[in-house]
C-alpha atoms as a PDB file:
ATOM      1  CA  UNK A   1      -0.003  -0.001  -0.016  1.00  0.00           C
ATOM      2  CA  UNK A   2       1.314   3.386  -1.006  1.00  0.00           C
ATOM      3  CA  UNK A   3       2.037   6.068   1.562  1.00  0.00           C
ATOM      4  CA  UNK A   4      -0.367   8.482  -0.120  1.00  0.00           C
ATOM      5  CA  UNK A   5      -3.205   5.979   0.235  1.00  0.00           C
ATOM      6  CA  UNK A   6      -2.378   5.502   3.954  1.00  0.00           C
ATOM      7  CA  UNK A   7      -2.275   9.259   4.552  1.00  0.00           C
ATOM      8  CA  UNK A   8      -5.637   9.670   2.738  1.00  0.00           C
ATOM      9  CA  UNK A   9      -7.186   6.966   4.835  1.00  0.00           C
ATOM     10  CA  UNK A  10      -5.838   8.451   8.072  1.00  0.00           C
ATOM     11  CA  UNK A  11      -7.206  11.829   7.047  1.00  0.00           C
ATOM     12  CA  UNK A  12     -10.657  10.660   5.846  1.00  0.00           C
ATOM     13  CA  UNK A  13     -11.151   8.393   8.850  1.00  0.00           C
ATOM     14  CA  UNK A  14     -10.004  11.026  11.318  1.00  0.00           C
ATOM     15  CA  UNK A  15     -12.320   9.800  14.029  1.00  0.00           C
ATOM     16  CA  UNK A  16     -10.495   6.436  14.042  1.00  0.00           C
ATOM     17  CA  UNK A  17      -7.115   8.197  13.938  1.00  0.00           C
ATOM     18  CA  UNK A  18      -7.844  10.461  16.853  1.00  0.00           C
ATOM     19  CA  UNK A  19      -9.306   7.674  18.998  1.00  0.00           C
ATOM     20  CA  UNK A  20      -6.339   5.431  18.193  1.00  0.00           C
ATOM     21  CA  UNK A  21      -3.849   8.169  19.061  1.00  0.00           C
ATOM     22  CA  UNK A  22      -5.491   8.807  22.441  1.00  0.00           C
ATOM     23  CA  UNK A  23      -5.693   5.088  23.201  1.00  0.00           C
ATOM     24  CA  UNK A  24      -2.051   4.555  22.134  1.00  0.00           C
ATOM     25  CA  UNK A  25      -0.743   7.205  24.535  1.00  0.00           C
ATOM     26  CA  UNK A  26      -2.928   5.920  27.356  1.00  0.00           C
ATOM     27  CA  UNK A  27      -1.632   2.371  26.944  1.00  0.00           C
ATOM     28  CA  UNK A  28       2.009   3.527  26.570  1.00  0.00           C
ATOM     29  CA  UNK A  29       1.690   5.640  29.710  1.00  0.00           C
ATOM     30  CA  UNK A  30       0.202   2.736  31.645  1.00  0.00           C
ATOM     31  CA  UNK A  31       3.070   0.451  30.605  1.00  0.00           C
ATOM     32  CA  UNK A  32       5.599   3.091  31.590  1.00  0.00           C
ATOM     33  CA  UNK A  33       4.070   3.433  35.037  1.00  0.00           C
ATOM     34  CA  UNK A  34       3.775  -0.317  35.591  1.00  0.00           C
ATOM     35  CA  UNK A  35       7.415  -1.173  34.763  1.00  0.00           C
ATOM     36  CA  UNK A  36       9.378  -0.924  38.009  1.00  0.00           C
ATOM     37  CA  UNK A  37      12.228   1.662  38.147  1.00  0.00           C
ATOM     38  CA  UNK A  38      15.763   0.432  38.101  1.00  0.00           C
ATOM     39  CA  UNK A  39      18.555   1.873  40.261  1.00  0.00           C
ATOM     40  CA  UNK A  40      22.207   1.603  39.579  1.00  0.00           C
ATOM     41  CA  UNK A  41      25.241   1.908  41.867  1.00  0.00           C
ATOM     42  CA  UNK A  42      28.965   1.514  41.156  1.00  0.00           C
ATOM     43  CA  UNK A  43      32.074   0.778  43.147  1.00  0.00           C
ATOM     44  CA  UNK A  44      35.819   0.265  42.504  1.00  0.00           C
ATOM     45  CA  UNK A  45      38.196  -2.116  44.268  1.00  0.00           C
ATOM     46  CA  UNK A  46      41.938  -2.736  43.752  1.00  0.00           C
ATOM     47  CA  UNK A  47      44.253  -5.672  44.438  1.00  0.00           C
ATOM     48  CA  UNK A  48      47.238  -4.687  46.546  1.00  0.00           C
ATOM     49  CA  UNK A  49      50.540  -6.595  47.015  1.00  0.00           C
ATOM     50  CA  UNK A  50      51.896  -5.980  50.518  1.00  0.00           C
ATOM     51  CA  UNK A  51      55.595  -6.473  49.724  1.00  0.00           C
ATOM     52  CA  UNK A  52      57.744  -6.739  46.625  1.00  0.00           C
ATOM     53  CA  UNK A  53      59.953  -9.807  46.749  1.00  0.00           C
ATOM     54  CA  UNK A  54      62.734 -10.891  44.461  1.00  0.00           C
ATOM     55  CA  UNK A  55      60.889 -14.051  43.639  1.00  0.00           C
ATOM     56  CA  UNK A  56      57.216 -13.141  43.829  1.00  0.00           C
ATOM     57  CA  UNK A  57      55.916 -16.317  42.265  1.00  0.00           C
ATOM     58  CA  UNK A  58      57.711 -18.389  44.836  1.00  0.00           C
ATOM     59  CA  UNK A  59      56.199 -16.443  47.738  1.00  0.00           C
ATOM     60  CA  UNK A  60      52.730 -16.302  46.181  1.00  0.00           C
ATOM     61  CA  UNK A  61      51.827 -18.511  43.213  1.00  0.00           C
ATOM     62  CA  UNK A  62      48.962 -16.150  42.237  1.00  0.00           C
ATOM     63  CA  UNK A  63      51.481 -13.587  41.203  1.00  0.00           C
ATOM     64  CA  UNK A  64      52.892 -13.718  37.688  1.00  0.00           C
ATOM     65  CA  UNK A  65      56.603 -14.315  37.058  1.00  0.00           C
ATOM     66  CA  UNK A  66      57.231 -10.564  37.141  1.00  0.00           C
ATOM     67  CA  UNK A  67      55.152 -10.075  40.245  1.00  0.00           C
ATOM     68  CA  UNK A  68      52.234  -8.517  38.332  1.00  0.00           C
ATOM     69  CA  UNK A  69      48.563  -8.687  39.377  1.00  0.00           C
ATOM     70  CA  UNK A  70      46.946  -8.753  35.960  1.00  0.00           C
ATOM     71  CA  UNK A  71      46.397 -12.513  35.763  1.00  0.00           C
ATOM     72  CA  UNK A  72      44.972 -12.739  39.267  1.00  0.00           C
ATOM     73  CA  UNK A  73      42.679  -9.772  38.562  1.00  0.00           C
ATOM     74  CA  UNK A  74      41.256 -11.264  35.366  1.00  0.00           C
ATOM     75  CA  UNK A  75      40.794 -14.634  37.068  1.00  0.00           C
ATOM     76  CA  UNK A  76      38.884 -12.955  39.880  1.00  0.00           C
ATOM     77  CA  UNK A  77      36.709 -11.072  37.432  1.00  0.00           C
ATOM     78  CA  UNK A  78      35.657 -14.297  35.726  1.00  0.00           C
ATOM     79  CA  UNK A  79      34.961 -15.965  39.058  1.00  0.00           C
ATOM     80  CA  UNK A  80      32.744 -13.118  40.221  1.00  0.00           C
ATOM     81  CA  UNK A  81      30.774 -12.986  36.990  1.00  0.00           C
ATOM     82  CA  UNK A  82      29.812 -16.655  37.184  1.00  0.00           C
ATOM     83  CA  UNK A  83      26.055 -17.269  37.402  1.00  0.00           C
ATOM     84  CA  UNK A  84      26.483 -19.269  40.585  1.00  0.00           C
ATOM     85  CA  UNK A  85      27.593 -16.115  42.408  1.00  0.00           C
ATOM     86  CA  UNK A  86      24.325 -14.387  41.465  1.00  0.00           C
ATOM     87  CA  UNK A  87      22.443 -17.387  42.767  1.00  0.00           C
ATOM     88  CA  UNK A  88      24.363 -17.238  46.020  1.00  0.00           C
ATOM     89  CA  UNK A  89      23.349 -13.566  46.462  1.00  0.00           C
ATOM     90  CA  UNK A  90      19.731 -14.526  45.851  1.00  0.00           C
ATOM     91  CA  UNK A  91      19.342 -12.141  42.920  1.00  0.00           C
ATOM     92  CA  UNK A  92      16.173 -12.324  40.838  1.00  0.00           C
ATOM     93  CA  UNK A  93      16.944 -12.755  37.153  1.00  0.00           C
ATOM     94  CA  UNK A  94      15.841  -9.676  35.146  1.00  0.00           C
ATOM     95  CA  UNK A  95      15.370  -7.566  38.307  1.00  0.00           C
ATOM     96  CA  UNK A  96      18.616  -7.583  40.301  1.00  0.00           C
ATOM     97  CA  UNK A  97      22.010  -8.016  38.641  1.00  0.00           C
ATOM     98  CA  UNK A  98      25.613  -6.866  38.679  1.00  0.00           C
ATOM     99  CA  UNK A  99      28.738  -7.007  36.507  1.00  0.00           C
ATOM    100  CA  UNK A 100      32.444  -6.871  37.280  1.00  0.00           C
ATOM    101  CA  UNK A 101      34.967  -5.659  34.667  1.00  0.00           C
ATOM    102  CA  UNK A 102      38.661  -4.957  34.388  1.00  0.00           C
ATOM    103  CA  UNK A 103      40.287  -2.822  31.663  1.00  0.00           C
ATOM    104  CA  UNK A 104      40.588  -5.296  28.821  1.00  0.00           C
ATOM    105  CA  UNK A 105      42.783  -8.147  27.595  1.00  0.00           C
ATOM    106  CA  UNK A 106      45.418  -5.670  26.380  1.00  0.00           C
ATOM    107  CA  UNK A 107      46.245  -4.974  30.039  1.00  0.00           C
ATOM    108  CA  UNK A 108      48.081  -8.288  30.212  1.00  0.00           C
ATOM    109  CA  UNK A 109      50.006  -7.721  27.018  1.00  0.00           C
ATOM    110  CA  UNK A 110      51.387  -4.273  27.707  1.00  0.00           C
ATOM    111  CA  UNK A 111      53.081  -5.378  30.927  1.00  0.00           C
ATOM    112  CA  UNK A 112      51.417  -2.718  33.122  1.00  0.00           C
ATOM    113  CA  UNK A 113      49.395  -3.645  36.166  1.00  0.00           C
ATOM    114  CA  UNK A 114      45.663  -2.964  35.988  1.00  0.00           C
ATOM    115  CA  UNK A 115      44.540  -4.589  39.240  1.00  0.00           C
ATOM    116  CA  UNK A 116      41.161  -2.790  39.416  1.00  0.00           C
ATOM    117  CA  UNK A 117      37.682  -4.249  39.693  1.00  0.00           C
ATOM    118  CA  UNK A 118      34.850  -2.057  38.414  1.00  0.00           C
ATOM    119  CA  UNK A 119      31.524  -3.133  39.885  1.00  0.00           C
ATOM    120  CA  UNK A 120      28.135  -2.033  38.556  1.00  0.00           C
ATOM    121  CA  UNK A 121      24.867  -3.144  40.082  1.00  0.00           C
ATOM    122  CA  UNK A 122      21.216  -2.688  39.158  1.00  0.00           C
ATOM    123  CA  UNK A 123      18.103  -3.351  41.231  1.00  0.00           C
ATOM    124  CA  UNK A 124      14.503  -2.250  41.611  1.00  0.00           C
ATOM    125  CA  UNK A 125      15.452  -1.005  45.108  1.00  0.00           C
ATOM    126  CA  UNK A 126      17.922   1.853  45.651  1.00  0.00           C
ATOM    127  CA  UNK A 127      19.184   0.338  48.907  1.00  0.00           C
ATOM    128  CA  UNK A 128      19.483  -3.085  47.324  1.00  0.00           C
ATOM    129  CA  UNK A 129      21.736  -1.706  44.576  1.00  0.00           C
ATOM    130  CA  UNK A 130      24.281  -0.435  47.044  1.00  0.00           C
ATOM    131  CA  UNK A 131      24.099  -3.621  49.082  1.00  0.00           C
ATOM    132  CA  UNK A 132      24.958  -5.667  45.961  1.00  0.00           C
ATOM    133  CA  UNK A 133      28.140  -3.648  45.396  1.00  0.00           C
ATOM    134  CA  UNK A 134      29.180  -4.243  49.003  1.00  0.00           C
ATOM    135  CA  UNK A 135      28.343  -7.963  48.697  1.00  0.00           C
ATOM    136  CA  UNK A 136      30.462  -8.278  45.548  1.00  0.00           C
ATOM    137  CA  UNK A 137      33.480  -6.661  47.265  1.00  0.00           C
ATOM    138  CA  UNK A 138      33.049  -8.993  50.170  1.00  0.00           C
ATOM    139  CA  UNK A 139      32.785 -11.984  47.837  1.00  0.00           C
ATOM    140  CA  UNK A 140      35.920 -10.894  46.001  1.00  0.00           C
ATOM    141  CA  UNK A 141      37.899 -10.751  49.266  1.00  0.00           C
ATOM    142  CA  UNK A 142      36.606 -14.204  50.228  1.00  0.00           C
ATOM    143  CA  UNK A 143      37.489 -15.673  46.816  1.00  0.00           C
ATOM    144  CA  UNK A 144      40.976 -14.172  46.867  1.00  0.00           C
ATOM    145  CA  UNK A 145      41.640 -15.422  50.385  1.00  0.00           C
ATOM    146  CA  UNK A 146      40.379 -18.935  49.525  1.00  0.00           C
ATOM    147  CA  UNK A 147      42.630 -19.235  46.507  1.00  0.00           C
ATOM    148  CA  UNK A 148      45.697 -18.115  48.426  1.00  0.00           C
ATOM    149  CA  UNK A 149      44.939 -20.379  51.366  1.00  0.00           C
ATOM    150  CA  UNK A 150      44.820 -23.292  48.986  1.00  0.00           C
ATOM    151  CA  UNK A 151      48.505 -22.537  48.159  1.00  0.00           C
ATOM    152  CA  UNK A 152      49.353 -22.056  51.854  1.00  0.00           C
ATOM    153  CA  UNK A 153      50.543 -18.480  51.188  1.00  0.00           C
ATOM    154  CA  UNK A 154      51.914 -16.805  54.280  1.00  0.00           C
ATOM    155  CA  UNK A 155      49.748 -13.889  55.530  1.00  0.00           C
ATOM    156  CA  UNK A 156      52.559 -11.361  54.899  1.00  0.00           C
ATOM    157  CA  UNK A 157      52.774 -12.523  51.286  1.00  0.00           C
ATOM    158  CA  UNK A 158      49.068 -12.495  50.485  1.00  0.00           C
ATOM    159  CA  UNK A 159      47.350 -10.159  48.031  1.00  0.00           C
ATOM    160  CA  UNK A 160      44.800  -7.918  49.606  1.00  0.00           C
ATOM    161  CA  UNK A 161      41.657  -6.349  48.154  1.00  0.00           C
ATOM    162  CA  UNK A 162      40.988  -2.750  49.067  1.00  0.00           C
ATOM    163  CA  UNK A 163      37.924  -0.721  48.293  1.00  0.00           C
ATOM    164  CA  UNK A 164      38.896   2.431  46.392  1.00  0.00           C
ATOM    165  CA  UNK A 165      35.429   3.835  45.750  1.00  0.00           C
ATOM    166  CA  UNK A 166      32.551   2.768  47.999  1.00  0.00           C
ATOM    167  CA  UNK A 167      29.106   2.123  46.549  1.00  0.00           C
ATOM    168  CA  UNK A 168      27.903   5.361  44.975  1.00  0.00           C
ATOM    169  CA  UNK A 169      24.544   6.941  45.506  1.00  0.00           C
ATOM    170  CA  UNK A 170      21.933   5.005  43.463  1.00  0.00           C
ATOM    171  CA  UNK A 171      20.761   6.659  40.221  1.00  0.00           C
ATOM    172  CA  UNK A 172      17.526   5.880  38.487  1.00  0.00           C
ATOM    173  CA  UNK A 173      17.865   4.021  35.166  1.00  0.00           C
ATOM    174  CA  UNK A 174      14.896   4.661  32.895  1.00  0.00           C
ATOM    175  CA  UNK A 175      16.301   3.265  29.607  1.00  0.00           C
ATOM    176  CA  UNK A 176      14.323   0.064  29.877  1.00  0.00           C
ATOM    177  CA  UNK A 177      11.095   1.871  30.725  1.00  0.00           C
ATOM    178  CA  UNK A 178      11.377   4.171  27.733  1.00  0.00           C
ATOM    179  CA  UNK A 179      12.341   1.335  25.425  1.00  0.00           C
ATOM    180  CA  UNK A 180       9.352  -0.849  26.337  1.00  0.00           C
ATOM    181  CA  UNK A 181       6.912   2.064  26.373  1.00  0.00           C
ATOM    182  CA  UNK A 182       8.196   3.279  23.009  1.00  0.00           C
ATOM    183  CA  UNK A 183       7.740  -0.216  21.507  1.00  0.00           C
ATOM    184  CA  UNK A 184       4.140  -0.382  22.804  1.00  0.00           C
ATOM    185  CA  UNK A 185       3.366   3.095  21.473  1.00  0.00           C
ATOM    186  CA  UNK A 186       4.758   2.170  18.026  1.00  0.00           C
ATOM    187  CA  UNK A 187       2.658  -1.016  17.816  1.00  0.00           C
ATOM    188  CA  UNK A 188      -0.443   0.883  18.866  1.00  0.00           C
ATOM    189  CA  UNK A 189       0.127   3.560  16.193  1.00  0.00           C
ATOM    190  CA  UNK A 190       0.611   0.889  13.544  1.00  0.00           C
ATOM    191  CA  UNK A 191      -2.628  -0.771  14.657  1.00  0.00           C
ATOM    192  CA  UNK A 192      -4.433   2.568  14.368  1.00  0.00           C
ATOM    193  CA  UNK A 193      -3.177   3.111  10.754  1.00  0.00           C
ATOM    194  CA  UNK A 194      -4.310  -0.433   9.849  1.00  0.00           C
ATOM    195  CA  UNK A 195      -7.762   0.168  11.302  1.00  0.00           C
ATOM    196  CA  UNK A 196      -8.146   3.444   9.426  1.00  0.00           C
ATOM    197  CA  UNK A 197      -7.057   1.806   6.130  1.00  0.00           C
ATOM    198  CA  UNK A 198      -9.461  -1.098   6.594  1.00  0.00           C
ATOM    199  CA  UNK A 199     -12.350   1.269   7.321  1.00  0.00           C
ATOM    200  CA  UNK A 200     -11.417   3.429   4.345  1.00  0.00           C
ATOM    201  CA  UNK A 201     -11.322   0.484   1.938  1.00  0.00           C
ATOM    202  CA  UNK A 202     -14.677  -0.808   3.223  1.00  0.00           C
ATOM    203  CA  UNK A 203     -16.238   2.648   2.744  1.00  0.00           C
ATOM    204  CA  UNK A 204     -14.972   2.863  -0.838  1.00  0.00           C
ATOM    205  CA  UNK A 205     -16.417  -0.553  -1.599  1.00  0.00           C
ATOM    206  CA  UNK A 206     -19.868   0.396  -0.274  1.00  0.00           C
ATOM    207  CA  UNK A 207     -19.802   3.664  -2.198  1.00  0.00           C
ATOM    208  CA  UNK A 208     -18.963   1.834  -5.408  1.00  0.00           C
ATOM    209  CA  UNK A 209     -21.879  -0.572  -4.983  1.00  0.00           C
ATOM    210  CA  UNK A 210     -24.344   2.308  -4.465  1.00  0.00           C
ATOM    211  CA  UNK A 211     -23.217   4.048  -7.660  1.00  0.00           C
ATOM    212  CA  UNK A 212     -23.441   0.926  -9.798  1.00  0.00           C
ATOM    213  CA  UNK A 213     -26.944   0.059  -8.615  1.00  0.00           C
ATOM    214  CA  UNK A 214     -28.503  -3.402  -8.450  1.00  0.00           C
ATOM    215  CA  UNK A 215     -27.696  -5.803 -11.241  1.00  0.00           C
ATOM    216  CA  UNK A 216     -30.556  -6.389 -13.800  1.00  0.00           C
ATOM    217  CA  UNK A 217     -32.484  -9.631 -13.488  1.00  0.00           C
ATOM    218  CA  UNK A 218     -31.717 -12.138 -16.280  1.00  0.00           C
ATOM    219  CA  UNK A 219     -34.585 -12.719 -18.803  1.00  0.00           C
ATOM    220  CA  UNK A 220     -36.091 -16.177 -18.838  1.00  0.00           C
ATOM    221  CA  UNK A 221     -36.175 -18.211 -22.025  1.00  0.00           C
ATOM    222  CA  UNK A 222     -36.912 -21.750 -22.796  1.00  0.00           C
ATOM    223  CA  UNK A 223     -39.124 -23.019 -19.996  1.00  0.00           C
ATOM    224  CA  UNK A 224     -39.499 -19.542 -18.533  1.00  0.00           C
ATOM    225  CA  UNK A 225     -42.410 -17.130 -18.915  1.00  0.00           C
ATOM    226  CA  UNK A 226     -42.425 -14.404 -21.585  1.00  0.00           C
ATOM    227  CA  UNK A 227     -43.969 -11.005 -20.985  1.00  0.00           C
ATOM    228  CA  UNK A 228     -47.676 -10.993 -21.740  1.00  0.00           C
ATOM    229  CA  UNK A 229     -48.604  -9.905 -25.243  1.00  0.00           C
ATOM    230  CA  UNK A 230     -51.617  -7.757 -25.488  1.00  0.00           C
ATOM    231  CA  UNK A 231     -54.405  -9.334 -27.524  1.00  0.00           C
ATOM    232  CA  UNK A 232     -55.728  -6.719 -29.932  1.00  0.00           C
ATOM    233  CA  UNK A 233     -58.363  -6.846 -32.662  1.00  0.00           C
ATOM    234  CA  UNK A 234     -57.547  -5.453 -36.112  1.00  0.00           C
ATOM    235  CA  UNK A 235     -59.194  -2.125 -36.815  1.00  0.00           C
ATOM    236  CA  UNK A 236     -60.928  -3.578 -39.818  1.00  0.00           C
ATOM    237  CA  UNK A 237     -62.699  -6.150 -37.701  1.00  0.00           C
ATOM    238  CA  UNK A 238     -63.863  -3.829 -34.994  1.00  0.00           C
ATOM    239  CA  UNK A 239     -67.618  -3.112 -34.737  1.00  0.00           C
ATOM    240  CA  UNK A 240     -70.898  -5.124 -34.641  1.00  0.00           C
ATOM    241  CA  UNK A 241     -71.204  -8.528 -36.360  1.00  0.00           C
ATOM    242  CA  UNK A 242     -73.604  -7.098 -39.074  1.00  0.00           C
ATOM    243  CA  UNK A 243     -71.177  -4.362 -39.970  1.00  0.00           C
ATOM    244  CA  UNK A 244     -68.384  -6.870 -40.174  1.00  0.00           C
ATOM    245  CA  UNK A 245     -70.450  -9.117 -42.481  1.00  0.00           C
ATOM    246  CA  UNK A 246     -71.442  -6.154 -44.677  1.00  0.00           C
ATOM    247  CA  UNK A 247     -67.829  -5.149 -45.000  1.00  0.00           C
ATOM    248  CA  UNK A 248     -66.878  -8.594 -46.144  1.00  0.00           C
ATOM    249  CA  UNK A 249     -69.621  -8.663 -48.764  1.00  0.00           C
ATOM    250  CA  UNK A 250     -68.707  -5.275 -50.144  1.00  0.00           C
ATOM    251  CA  UNK A 251     -65.121  -6.450 -50.412  1.00  0.00           C
ATOM    252  CA  UNK A 252     -66.184  -9.539 -52.294  1.00  0.00           C
ATOM    253  CA  UNK A 253     -68.300  -7.573 -54.799  1.00  0.00           C
ATOM    254  CA  UNK A 254     -65.525  -5.157 -55.444  1.00  0.00           C
ATOM    255  CA  UNK A 255     -63.189  -8.007 -56.139  1.00  0.00           C
ATOM    256  CA  UNK A 256     -65.736  -9.595 -58.529  1.00  0.00           C
ATOM    257  CA  UNK A 257     -66.049  -6.440 -60.596  1.00  0.00           C
ATOM    258  CA  UNK A 258     -62.341  -6.297 -61.191  1.00  0.00           C
END
């Protein structure tokens, strides 16, 4: 269907268009208000090596050969992002969540330490979002301590996790609400245009039938009935019986004379 036809239908069926627009905005507004608000909080933690030894890998196997913290940091990020950790926190999928990131894989290649953990949480509760950040930091400390205890690392040689930035003040995240409401509004507007086009096409069809009029009935032949033929008497035979007889005699005499 061409755009010009759609615009003409929307214009001619304005009552459907206006009603559809009002209903679309009402439905989109209701969806926007029903979707719970999301709050986000962030935090930053860093891995700290207490002492620098000549042979760091010997004193603590979690350290790289050059005593760097990149490998340990990336391993810790992967462990914290595992689905089982979210289950341990009792997070509801799609409502409460968090993510832990480092810089990127290039941090290991360039030889520079990037021992930072960037934590971002989201929840429908502002307080819950800050609690998730604190829980992740606590879990990271526990995971780091467990790994080092497995290698029997002396306390003075262990890597520590320090919180650099505490959980920030929660901020409202409305991206999801706007996205879902916008999708509902778009679908409602499309449905309004379809309804206007259908009504417009039906109206044109009815108008065409009225202009053409009813179709003529077929004439019956063969075993059907023909229109009645009026039975008429020739003018020459009209009148009383005597006058008819006299007319016949006069015609006969005139013929005999010829």
